[in-house]
Amino acid sequence: MPAAPVRPSVTDALLALEGLLLRGGQRTARRNAWTAVLEDRRRAKDRDEAEHVLEAVSASTSQAT
């Protein structure tokens, strides 16, 4: 006796459709997240450099007085 064909459920169909529709959006979201990470790293580096400059200026000013 042949087995009855398996029909996907509505949930399976919706998940498959969601996967197709969101594929490009997920790629964009990952790209945007990585860009944000790189920008945060750049800002942190800039803050560190500014802190070192301020400390150097502060040290030279206090020695001059």
N, C-alpha and C. Protein backbone atom coordinates (compact mmCIF):
# COMPACT_ATOMS: atom_id res chain seq x y z
N MET A 1 0.84 -1.17 0.00
CA MET A 1 0.00 0.00 0.00
C MET A 1 0.90 1.24 0.00
N PRO A 2 0.71 2.15 -0.97
CA PRO A 2 1.57 3.34 -1.02
C PRO A 2 1.25 4.30 0.11
N ALA A 3 2.29 5.00 0.55
CA ALA A 3 2.12 5.97 1.64
C ALA A 3 1.42 7.20 1.11
N ALA A 4 0.65 7.81 1.95
CA ALA A 4 -0.04 9.04 1.57
C ALA A 4 0.98 10.15 1.41
N PRO A 5 0.79 11.01 0.41
CA PRO A 5 1.74 12.12 0.24
C PRO A 5 1.70 13.05 1.44
N VAL A 6 2.86 13.53 1.81
CA VAL A 6 2.96 14.43 2.95
C VAL A 6 2.76 15.86 2.46
N ARG A 7 1.75 16.50 2.99
CA ARG A 7 1.49 17.89 2.61
C ARG A 7 2.09 18.80 3.67
N PRO A 8 2.79 19.84 3.24
CA PRO A 8 3.35 20.76 4.24
C PRO A 8 2.22 21.49 4.96
N SER A 9 2.48 21.77 6.20
CA SER A 9 1.48 22.51 6.98
C SER A 9 1.54 23.98 6.60
N VAL A 10 0.55 24.70 7.04
CA VAL A 10 0.51 26.15 6.81
C VAL A 10 1.73 26.81 7.46
N THR A 11 2.10 26.32 8.63
CA THR A 11 3.27 26.87 9.33
C THR A 11 4.53 26.67 8.51
N ASP A 12 4.68 25.46 7.96
CA ASP A 12 5.86 25.19 7.12
C ASP A 12 5.89 26.11 5.91
N ALA A 13 4.74 26.30 5.28
CA ALA A 13 4.67 27.15 4.10
C ALA A 13 5.01 28.60 4.46
N LEU A 14 4.49 29.07 5.58
CA LEU A 14 4.78 30.45 6.00
C LEU A 14 6.25 30.63 6.36
N LEU A 15 6.83 29.64 7.00
CA LEU A 15 8.27 29.73 7.33
C LEU A 15 9.12 29.75 6.08
N ALA A 16 8.75 28.95 5.08
CA ALA A 16 9.49 28.94 3.82
C ALA A 16 9.37 30.29 3.12
N LEU A 17 8.15 30.84 3.10
CA LEU A 17 7.94 32.14 2.48
C LEU A 17 8.70 33.23 3.22
N GLU A 18 8.69 33.19 4.53
CA GLU A 18 9.42 34.16 5.34
C GLU A 18 10.92 34.08 5.03
N GLY A 19 11.43 32.86 4.90
CA GLY A 19 12.84 32.69 4.58
C GLY A 19 13.21 33.31 3.25
N LEU A 20 12.33 33.16 2.26
CA LEU A 20 12.61 33.75 0.95
C LEU A 20 12.55 35.28 0.99
N LEU A 21 11.55 35.80 1.68
CA LEU A 21 11.37 37.25 1.70
C LEU A 21 12.43 37.97 2.53
N LEU A 22 12.88 37.35 3.60
CA LEU A 22 13.80 38.04 4.51
C LEU A 22 15.27 37.79 4.18
N ARG A 23 15.54 36.96 3.21
CA ARG A 23 16.93 36.62 2.93
C ARG A 23 17.77 37.86 2.64
N GLY A 24 17.32 38.72 1.75
CA GLY A 24 18.06 39.94 1.43
C GLY A 24 18.10 40.90 2.60
N GLY A 25 17.02 40.97 3.35
CA GLY A 25 16.98 41.87 4.51
C GLY A 25 17.96 41.46 5.58
N GLN A 26 18.12 40.17 5.76
CA GLN A 26 19.09 39.70 6.76
C GLN A 26 20.50 40.05 6.33
N ARG A 27 20.77 39.95 5.05
CA ARG A 27 22.09 40.29 4.55
C ARG A 27 22.37 41.78 4.80
N THR A 28 21.37 42.60 4.52
CA THR A 28 21.51 44.04 4.75
C THR A 28 21.68 44.33 6.23
N ALA A 29 20.92 43.65 7.07
CA ALA A 29 21.03 43.87 8.52
C ALA A 29 22.42 43.49 9.02
N ARG A 30 22.95 42.38 8.54
CA ARG A 30 24.30 41.97 8.95
C ARG A 30 25.34 42.98 8.50
N ARG A 31 25.19 43.47 7.26
CA ARG A 31 26.13 44.46 6.74
C ARG A 31 26.06 45.74 7.56
N ASN A 32 24.85 46.17 7.90
CA ASN A 32 24.69 47.38 8.70
C ASN A 32 25.27 47.18 10.11
N ALA A 33 25.07 46.00 10.67
CA ALA A 33 25.61 45.73 12.01
C ALA A 33 27.13 45.76 11.98
N TRP A 34 27.73 45.17 10.95
CA TRP A 34 29.20 45.16 10.86
C TRP A 34 29.73 46.58 10.68
N THR A 35 29.06 47.38 9.87
CA THR A 35 29.45 48.77 9.69
C THR A 35 29.39 49.52 11.01
N ALA A 36 28.36 49.25 11.80
CA ALA A 36 28.23 49.89 13.12
C ALA A 36 29.36 49.47 14.04
N VAL A 37 29.74 48.20 13.99
CA VAL A 37 30.86 47.71 14.82
C VAL A 37 32.14 48.44 14.43
N LEU A 38 32.41 48.53 13.14
CA LEU A 38 33.62 49.21 12.69
C LEU A 38 33.62 50.68 13.08
N GLU A 39 32.46 51.32 12.99
CA GLU A 39 32.36 52.73 13.38
C GLU A 39 32.58 52.90 14.88
N ASP A 40 32.05 51.99 15.69
CA ASP A 40 32.29 52.04 17.14
C ASP A 40 33.77 51.87 17.46
N ARG A 41 34.43 50.98 16.76
CA ARG A 41 35.87 50.78 16.98
C ARG A 41 36.65 52.04 16.60
N ARG A 42 36.24 52.69 15.50
CA ARG A 42 36.93 53.91 15.08
C ARG A 42 36.74 55.01 16.12
N ARG A 43 35.51 55.15 16.62
CA ARG A 43 35.25 56.16 17.65
C ARG A 43 36.04 55.88 18.92
N ALA A 44 36.14 54.63 19.31
CA ALA A 44 36.90 54.28 20.51
C ALA A 44 38.38 54.63 20.32
N LYS A 45 38.90 54.35 19.14
CA LYS A 45 40.30 54.68 18.85
C LYS A 45 40.50 56.20 18.90
N ASP A 46 39.55 56.95 18.31
CA ASP A 46 39.64 58.41 18.35
C ASP A 46 39.59 58.94 19.79
N ARG A 47 38.72 58.34 20.62
CA ARG A 47 38.65 58.76 22.03
C ARG A 47 39.96 58.50 22.75
N ASP A 48 40.56 57.34 22.51
CA ASP A 48 41.84 57.01 23.14
C ASP A 48 42.93 58.01 22.73
N GLU A 49 42.97 58.31 21.43
CA GLU A 49 43.97 59.26 20.94
C GLU A 49 43.75 60.64 21.55
N ALA A 50 42.50 61.08 21.63
CA ALA A 50 42.20 62.39 22.21
C ALA A 50 42.57 62.41 23.69
N GLU A 51 42.32 61.33 24.38
CA GLU A 51 42.67 61.25 25.80
C GLU A 51 44.18 61.38 25.99
N HIS A 52 44.95 60.70 25.14
CA HIS A 52 46.41 60.79 25.25
C HIS A 52 46.91 62.20 24.95
N VAL A 53 46.31 62.84 23.97
CA VAL A 53 46.69 64.22 23.64
C VAL A 53 46.38 65.15 24.80
N LEU A 54 45.19 65.00 25.38
CA LEU A 54 44.81 65.86 26.51
C LEU A 54 45.72 65.63 27.72
N GLU A 55 46.06 64.38 27.95
CA GLU A 55 46.97 64.10 29.06
C GLU A 55 48.35 64.71 28.81
N ALA A 56 48.83 64.63 27.57
CA ALA A 56 50.14 65.21 27.23
C ALA A 56 50.10 66.73 27.38
N VAL A 57 49.03 67.36 26.93
CA VAL A 57 48.92 68.82 27.05
C VAL A 57 48.81 69.20 28.51
N SER A 58 48.05 68.46 29.28
CA SER A 58 47.91 68.74 30.70
C SER A 58 49.24 68.60 31.43
N ALA A 59 50.00 67.57 31.09
CA ALA A 59 51.29 67.34 31.74
C ALA A 59 52.28 68.45 31.38
N SER A 60 52.28 68.87 30.12
CA SER A 60 53.23 69.93 29.73
C SER A 60 52.82 71.27 30.30
N THR A 61 51.54 71.52 30.46
CA THR A 61 51.07 72.77 31.03
C THR A 61 51.42 72.84 32.52
N SER A 62 51.24 71.75 33.22
CA SER A 62 51.54 71.76 34.65
C SER A 62 53.05 71.88 34.91
N GLN A 63 53.88 71.38 34.01
CA GLN A 63 55.33 71.51 34.18
C GLN A 63 55.78 72.94 33.87
N ALA A 64 55.08 73.62 32.99
CA ALA A 64 55.48 74.98 32.59
C ALA A 64 55.15 76.00 33.68
N THR A 65 54.22 75.70 34.55
CA THR A 65 53.84 76.69 35.57
C THR A 65 54.61 76.51 36.85
